[in-house]
Amino acid sequence: MRYTRSMIIVLFCLAGVSTAYAGGAMMQRQRAQKQMLIQRRIQQEQMRRAAERARQVAVQRARQAQIEQVKETLIKKELIERQMAVAQYQAASQAVAAQQEAVKQAAVMQHQIKQQATRAQQKAVQQILLDRALKRESSQSVVQASAQAGFQAGMYYGQQMAAADAEAQEVVTLDQMVGALEESSHPWPLMIDIQAKQAVVEHFIQKFRRQGVEINRPAIYYAHMIDSMAKDAPQMLDNSFDRVLQVVAIIEYDFDNGQDKDAMALQILGEEGFRSNRQRLGLP
């Protein structure tokens, strides 16, 4: 078959059109593939970002949970510490309260003992004052005798001997007697001579005077008065002689140390004895 020139030209044209068509289709396929690749990469990026966001959220949640756990631990620790502090405070408070209660009880017991001793002393003095009021003599003034000279000549300790009625007497000095009476007044009844007792009282009056305390009644007056009171209340002799003389001078309103005499007498005698004593002295 013979092709003419025109046929050949037509064939070439057709072939070029076909080739062009085939090339266009290939380009379209390539563009489509490229678009798909881009879409795939976009999807992968989106997935990657979504995964990153999810990871960050998970990390934040984990951190937040950890923070909350730490906070809860700290709160529990603080609560435990507070409870321990409260328990320690309560224990310390209870210990202090127990100690204070013990001190209070000891103070109460000491006060009760002191009150009992004071009441016993007041009762003894009141009984003495009552007996003295019943036995009061019409005259109480006696001439004061000499001190040391009469003391050395007339003061004796009465001591019973092992024999039937034999009695030995020991002469002592004023200093020896004063030294014994500074411990207690039990040697007082052992002195027989009133002048010796007068000398002892005068010694203690002068001792008070050196301390700035005036006792104005004569020593012989207090010698007789202490003799009388010791018979009615021998327990008073348990005290030192300066204390005995002080108490007697106070209830006689003759202990001048600058303090209120009523207050001193009230402290020793109590309310009832205080009133009786003022009546005995003729005070309003």
Protein backbone atom coordinates (compact mmCIF):
# COMPACT_ATOMS: atom_id res chain seq x y z
CA MET A 1 0.00 0.00 0.00
CA ARG A 2 1.43 3.25 -0.96
CA TYR A 3 0.96 6.24 1.22
CA THR A 4 0.67 9.56 -0.24
CA ARG A 5 2.42 12.55 1.16
CA SER A 6 -0.79 13.87 2.54
CA MET A 7 -1.53 10.62 4.23
CA ILE A 8 1.89 10.55 5.77
CA ILE A 9 1.46 14.07 7.07
CA VAL A 10 -1.92 13.11 8.51
CA LEU A 11 -0.40 10.06 10.15
CA PHE A 12 2.39 12.10 11.66
CA CYS A 13 -0.10 14.60 12.96
CA LEU A 14 -2.16 11.85 14.47
CA ALA A 15 0.90 10.31 16.01
CA GLY A 16 1.91 13.67 17.48
CA VAL A 17 -1.54 14.17 18.86
CA SER A 18 -1.46 10.70 20.36
CA THR A 19 1.95 11.27 21.82
CA ALA A 20 0.87 14.61 23.22
CA TYR A 21 -2.21 13.04 24.68
CA ALA A 22 -0.15 10.26 26.24
CA GLY A 23 2.31 12.82 27.64
CA GLY A 24 -0.51 14.87 29.13
CA ALA A 25 -1.99 11.85 30.80
CA MET A 26 1.38 11.00 32.30
CA MET A 27 1.77 14.50 33.61
CA GLN A 28 -1.67 14.33 35.13
CA ARG A 29 -0.79 11.03 36.79
CA GLN A 30 2.40 12.55 38.10
CA ARG A 31 0.55 15.58 39.45
CA ALA A 32 -2.01 13.29 41.05
CA GLN A 33 0.74 11.23 42.66
CA LYS A 34 2.44 14.39 43.84
CA GLN A 35 -0.83 15.65 45.29
CA MET A 36 -1.37 12.34 47.04
CA LEU A 37 2.18 12.45 48.39
CA ILE A 38 1.63 15.98 49.67
CA GLN A 39 -1.68 14.98 51.23
CA ARG A 40 -0.02 11.97 52.83
CA ARG A 41 2.77 14.15 54.23
CA ILE A 42 0.19 16.65 55.51
CA GLN A 43 -1.73 13.84 57.18
CA GLN A 44 1.47 12.45 58.67
CA GLU A 45 2.41 15.91 59.99
CA GLN A 46 -1.07 16.35 61.40
CA MET A 47 -0.86 12.93 63.03
CA ARG A 48 2.60 13.73 64.37
CA ARG A 49 1.40 17.04 65.81
CA ALA A 50 -1.68 15.39 67.27
CA ALA A 51 0.53 12.73 68.85
CA GLU A 52 2.86 15.44 70.20
CA ARG A 53 -0.05 17.33 71.66
CA ALA A 54 -1.38 14.14 73.21
CA ARG A 55 2.07 13.41 74.62
CA GLN A 56 2.34 16.94 76.06
CA VAL A 57 -1.12 16.64 77.57
CA ALA A 58 -0.17 13.31 79.09
CA VAL A 59 3.06 14.81 80.46
CA GLN A 60 1.18 17.78 81.89
CA ARG A 61 -1.38 15.49 83.43
CA ALA A 62 1.37 13.32 84.88
CA ARG A 63 3.13 16.40 86.26
CA GLN A 64 -0.11 17.74 87.67
CA ALA A 65 -0.83 14.37 89.25
CA GLN A 66 2.69 14.34 90.70
CA ILE A 67 2.21 17.87 92.03
CA GLU A 68 -1.11 16.92 93.55
CA GLN A 69 0.47 13.85 95.10
CA VAL A 70 3.30 15.96 96.55
CA LYS A 71 0.76 18.46 97.86
CA GLU A 72 -1.28 15.68 99.42
CA THR A 73 1.88 14.21 100.98
CA LEU A 74 2.87 17.60 102.36
CA ILE A 75 -0.63 18.18 103.70
CA LYS A 76 -0.62 14.78 105.38
CA LYS A 77 2.86 15.44 106.78
CA GLU A 78 1.81 18.86 108.06
CA LEU A 79 -1.32 17.34 109.55
CA ILE A 80 0.72 14.63 111.28
CA GLU A 81 3.19 17.24 112.54
CA ARG A 82 0.31 19.36 113.85
CA GLN A 83 -1.22 16.34 115.54
CA MET A 84 2.15 15.48 117.08
CA ALA A 85 2.62 19.10 118.19
CA VAL A 86 -0.87 19.12 119.71
CA ALA A 87 -0.18 15.82 121.44
CA GLN A 88 3.14 17.11 122.77
CA TYR A 89 1.50 20.34 123.92
CA GLN A 90 -1.27 18.42 125.64
CA ALA A 91 1.26 16.11 127.30
CA ALA A 92 3.35 19.09 128.42
CA SER A 93 0.22 20.88 129.64
CA GLN A 94 -0.87 17.82 131.56
CA ALA A 95 2.61 17.48 133.07
CA VAL A 96 2.64 21.15 134.06
CA ALA A 97 -0.90 20.86 135.43
CA ALA A 98 0.09 17.77 137.41
CA GLN A 99 3.17 19.54 138.74
CA GLN A 100 1.13 22.62 139.63
CA GLU A 101 -1.47 20.43 141.30
CA ALA A 102 1.25 18.66 143.29
CA VAL A 103 2.73 22.00 144.34
CA LYS A 104 -0.76 23.24 145.19
CA GLN A 105 -1.51 20.13 147.25
CA ALA A 106 1.83 20.47 149.04
CA ALA A 107 1.11 24.14 149.72
CA VAL A 108 -2.39 23.25 150.98
CA MET A 109 -0.99 20.56 153.25
CA GLN A 110 1.70 22.89 154.51
CA HIS A 111 -0.90 25.60 155.08
CA GLN A 112 -3.16 23.13 156.92
CA ILE A 113 -0.27 22.00 159.10
CA LYS A 114 0.60 25.62 159.82
CA GLN A 115 -3.04 26.41 160.61
CA GLN A 116 -3.27 23.43 162.93
CA ALA A 117 -0.11 24.52 164.72
CA THR A 118 -1.41 28.09 164.92
CA ARG A 119 -4.79 26.94 166.25
CA ALA A 120 -3.07 24.76 168.83
CA GLN A 121 -0.92 27.70 169.91
CA GLN A 122 -3.94 30.01 169.97
CA LYS A 123 -5.91 27.49 172.01
CA ALA A 124 -3.08 27.10 174.48
CA VAL A 125 -2.66 30.86 174.85
CA GLN A 126 -6.43 31.35 175.16
CA GLN A 127 -6.56 28.71 177.90
CA ILE A 128 -3.68 30.40 179.67
CA LEU A 129 -5.40 33.77 179.43
CA LEU A 130 -8.63 32.27 180.77
CA ASP A 131 -6.83 30.62 183.67
CA ARG A 132 -4.93 33.80 184.39
CA ALA A 133 -8.15 35.80 184.36
CA LEU A 134 -9.63 33.42 186.95
CA LYS A 135 -6.46 33.37 189.07
CA ARG A 136 -5.50 36.97 188.63
CA GLU A 137 -4.01 38.41 191.76
CA SER A 138 -4.91 41.80 193.09
CA SER A 139 -1.37 43.13 192.79
CA GLN A 140 1.17 42.29 190.06
CA SER A 141 3.97 44.73 190.82
CA VAL A 142 7.07 43.20 192.44
CA VAL A 143 10.34 44.94 193.16
CA GLN A 144 13.04 43.96 190.64
CA ALA A 145 16.08 42.33 192.21
CA SER A 146 19.65 42.28 191.01
CA ALA A 147 20.54 40.13 188.03
CA GLN A 148 23.84 38.30 187.88
CA ALA A 149 24.74 38.30 191.61
CA GLY A 150 21.44 36.74 192.64
CA PHE A 151 21.60 34.35 189.70
CA GLN A 152 24.93 32.78 190.66
CA ALA A 153 23.80 32.40 194.28
CA GLY A 154 20.32 31.02 193.72
CA MET A 155 19.90 29.17 190.41
CA TYR A 156 19.93 25.39 190.49
CA TYR A 157 19.07 22.46 188.30
CA GLY A 158 16.89 19.97 190.16
CA GLN A 159 18.00 16.45 189.36
CA GLN A 160 16.56 13.31 190.84
CA MET A 161 19.10 10.78 192.04
CA ALA A 162 18.89 7.01 191.89
CA ALA A 163 18.51 6.84 195.67
CA ALA A 164 15.07 7.11 197.25
CA ASP A 165 14.54 10.85 197.93
CA ALA A 166 18.10 12.08 197.53
CA GLU A 167 18.34 15.14 195.35
CA ALA A 168 21.47 16.75 193.93
CA GLN A 169 21.62 20.32 192.80
CA GLU A 170 24.07 21.69 190.24
CA VAL A 171 24.97 25.37 190.15
CA VAL A 172 25.26 26.82 186.61
CA THR A 173 26.21 30.21 185.25
CA LEU A 174 23.99 32.70 183.47
CA ASP A 175 25.78 32.10 180.17
CA GLN A 176 25.25 28.37 180.43
CA MET A 177 21.56 28.79 181.18
CA VAL A 178 21.09 31.31 178.36
CA GLY A 179 22.83 28.96 175.93
CA ALA A 180 20.48 26.14 176.92
CA LEU A 181 17.39 28.34 176.68
CA GLU A 182 18.33 29.45 173.17
CA GLU A 183 17.65 25.87 172.05
CA SER A 184 14.40 25.35 173.99
CA SER A 185 12.74 26.60 177.17
CA HIS A 186 12.64 23.22 178.93
CA PRO A 187 15.41 24.22 181.40
CA TRP A 188 13.21 27.08 182.66
CA PRO A 189 11.20 25.06 185.27
CA LEU A 190 14.46 23.56 186.57
CA MET A 191 15.50 26.95 187.96
CA ILE A 192 14.30 27.23 191.53
CA ASP A 193 15.22 30.76 192.50
CA ILE A 194 12.99 33.54 191.12
CA GLN A 195 15.92 35.96 191.08
CA ALA A 196 17.77 33.65 188.72
CA LYS A 197 14.74 33.59 186.41
CA GLN A 198 14.52 37.37 186.64
CA ALA A 199 18.16 37.62 185.54
CA VAL A 200 17.50 35.37 182.55
CA VAL A 201 14.49 37.45 181.48
CA GLU A 202 16.51 40.64 181.87
CA HIS A 203 19.23 39.17 179.64
CA PHE A 204 16.74 38.47 176.84
CA ILE A 205 15.08 41.88 177.27
CA GLN A 206 18.47 43.50 176.73
CA LYS A 207 19.04 41.22 173.72
CA PHE A 208 15.79 42.45 172.16
CA ARG A 209 16.75 46.05 172.98
CA ARG A 210 20.00 45.62 171.03
CA GLN A 211 17.85 44.51 168.10
CA GLY A 212 15.77 47.70 168.33
CA VAL A 213 12.82 46.17 170.20
CA GLU A 214 11.65 47.69 173.50
CA ILE A 215 10.04 45.59 176.26
CA ASN A 216 9.14 47.98 179.07
CA ARG A 217 7.60 45.82 181.81
CA PRO A 218 10.09 44.64 184.46
CA ALA A 219 11.83 41.29 184.07
CA ILE A 220 10.33 39.97 187.33
CA TYR A 221 6.85 40.50 185.90
CA TYR A 222 7.60 38.26 182.91
CA ALA A 223 9.39 35.71 185.11
CA HIS A 224 6.19 35.20 187.15
CA MET A 225 3.97 35.30 184.08
CA ILE A 226 6.02 32.69 182.17
CA ASP A 227 6.03 30.48 185.27
CA SER A 228 2.24 30.63 185.42
CA MET A 229 1.74 30.06 181.69
CA ALA A 230 4.23 27.15 181.58
CA LYS A 231 2.23 25.33 184.26
CA ASP A 232 -0.97 25.65 182.24
CA ALA A 233 0.60 24.99 178.81
CA PRO A 234 3.93 23.17 179.16
CA GLN A 235 4.11 22.72 175.37
CA MET A 236 5.07 26.37 175.09
CA LEU A 237 8.47 25.38 176.49
CA ASP A 238 9.22 23.57 173.21
CA ASN A 239 10.09 26.99 171.78
CA SER A 240 13.30 28.90 172.39
CA PHE A 241 13.06 31.31 175.33
CA ASP A 242 13.34 34.44 173.20
CA ARG A 243 10.27 33.24 171.25
CA VAL A 244 8.41 32.55 174.50
CA LEU A 245 9.23 36.01 175.83
CA GLN A 246 8.26 37.57 172.50
CA VAL A 247 4.82 35.88 172.47
CA VAL A 248 4.13 36.84 176.09
CA ALA A 249 5.23 40.45 175.50
CA ILE A 250 3.04 40.66 172.36
CA ILE A 251 -0.12 39.53 174.17
CA GLU A 252 0.77 42.03 176.92
CA TYR A 253 1.03 44.78 174.25
CA ASP A 254 4.59 45.38 175.44
CA PHE A 255 6.56 44.26 172.36
CA ASP A 256 7.45 47.57 170.72
CA ASN A 257 9.12 46.81 167.37
CA GLY A 258 7.31 49.47 165.35
CA GLN A 259 4.62 47.10 164.07
CA ASP A 260 0.91 47.29 164.84
CA LYS A 261 0.38 45.66 168.26
CA ASP A 262 -3.22 44.69 167.51
CA ALA A 263 -2.13 42.92 164.32
CA MET A 264 0.62 41.00 166.12
CA ALA A 265 -1.71 39.95 168.93
CA LEU A 266 -4.44 38.94 166.46
CA GLN A 267 -1.99 36.78 164.53
CA ILE A 268 -1.01 34.88 167.68
CA LEU A 269 -4.38 34.67 169.47
CA GLY A 270 -6.94 34.51 166.69
CA GLU A 271 -10.15 36.55 166.65
CA GLU A 272 -11.78 35.12 169.75
CA GLY A 273 -8.62 35.09 171.86
CA PHE A 274 -7.77 38.57 170.60
CA ARG A 275 -11.07 39.98 171.92
CA SER A 276 -10.70 38.14 175.24
CA ASN A 277 -7.17 39.42 175.62
CA ARG A 278 -8.19 43.04 175.04
CA GLN A 279 -10.90 42.64 177.67
CA ARG A 280 -8.34 41.16 180.08
CA LEU A 281 -6.08 44.19 179.53
CA GLY A 282 -9.00 46.60 179.89
CA LEU A 283 -8.63 47.85 176.33
CA PRO A 284 -11.68 49.11 174.42
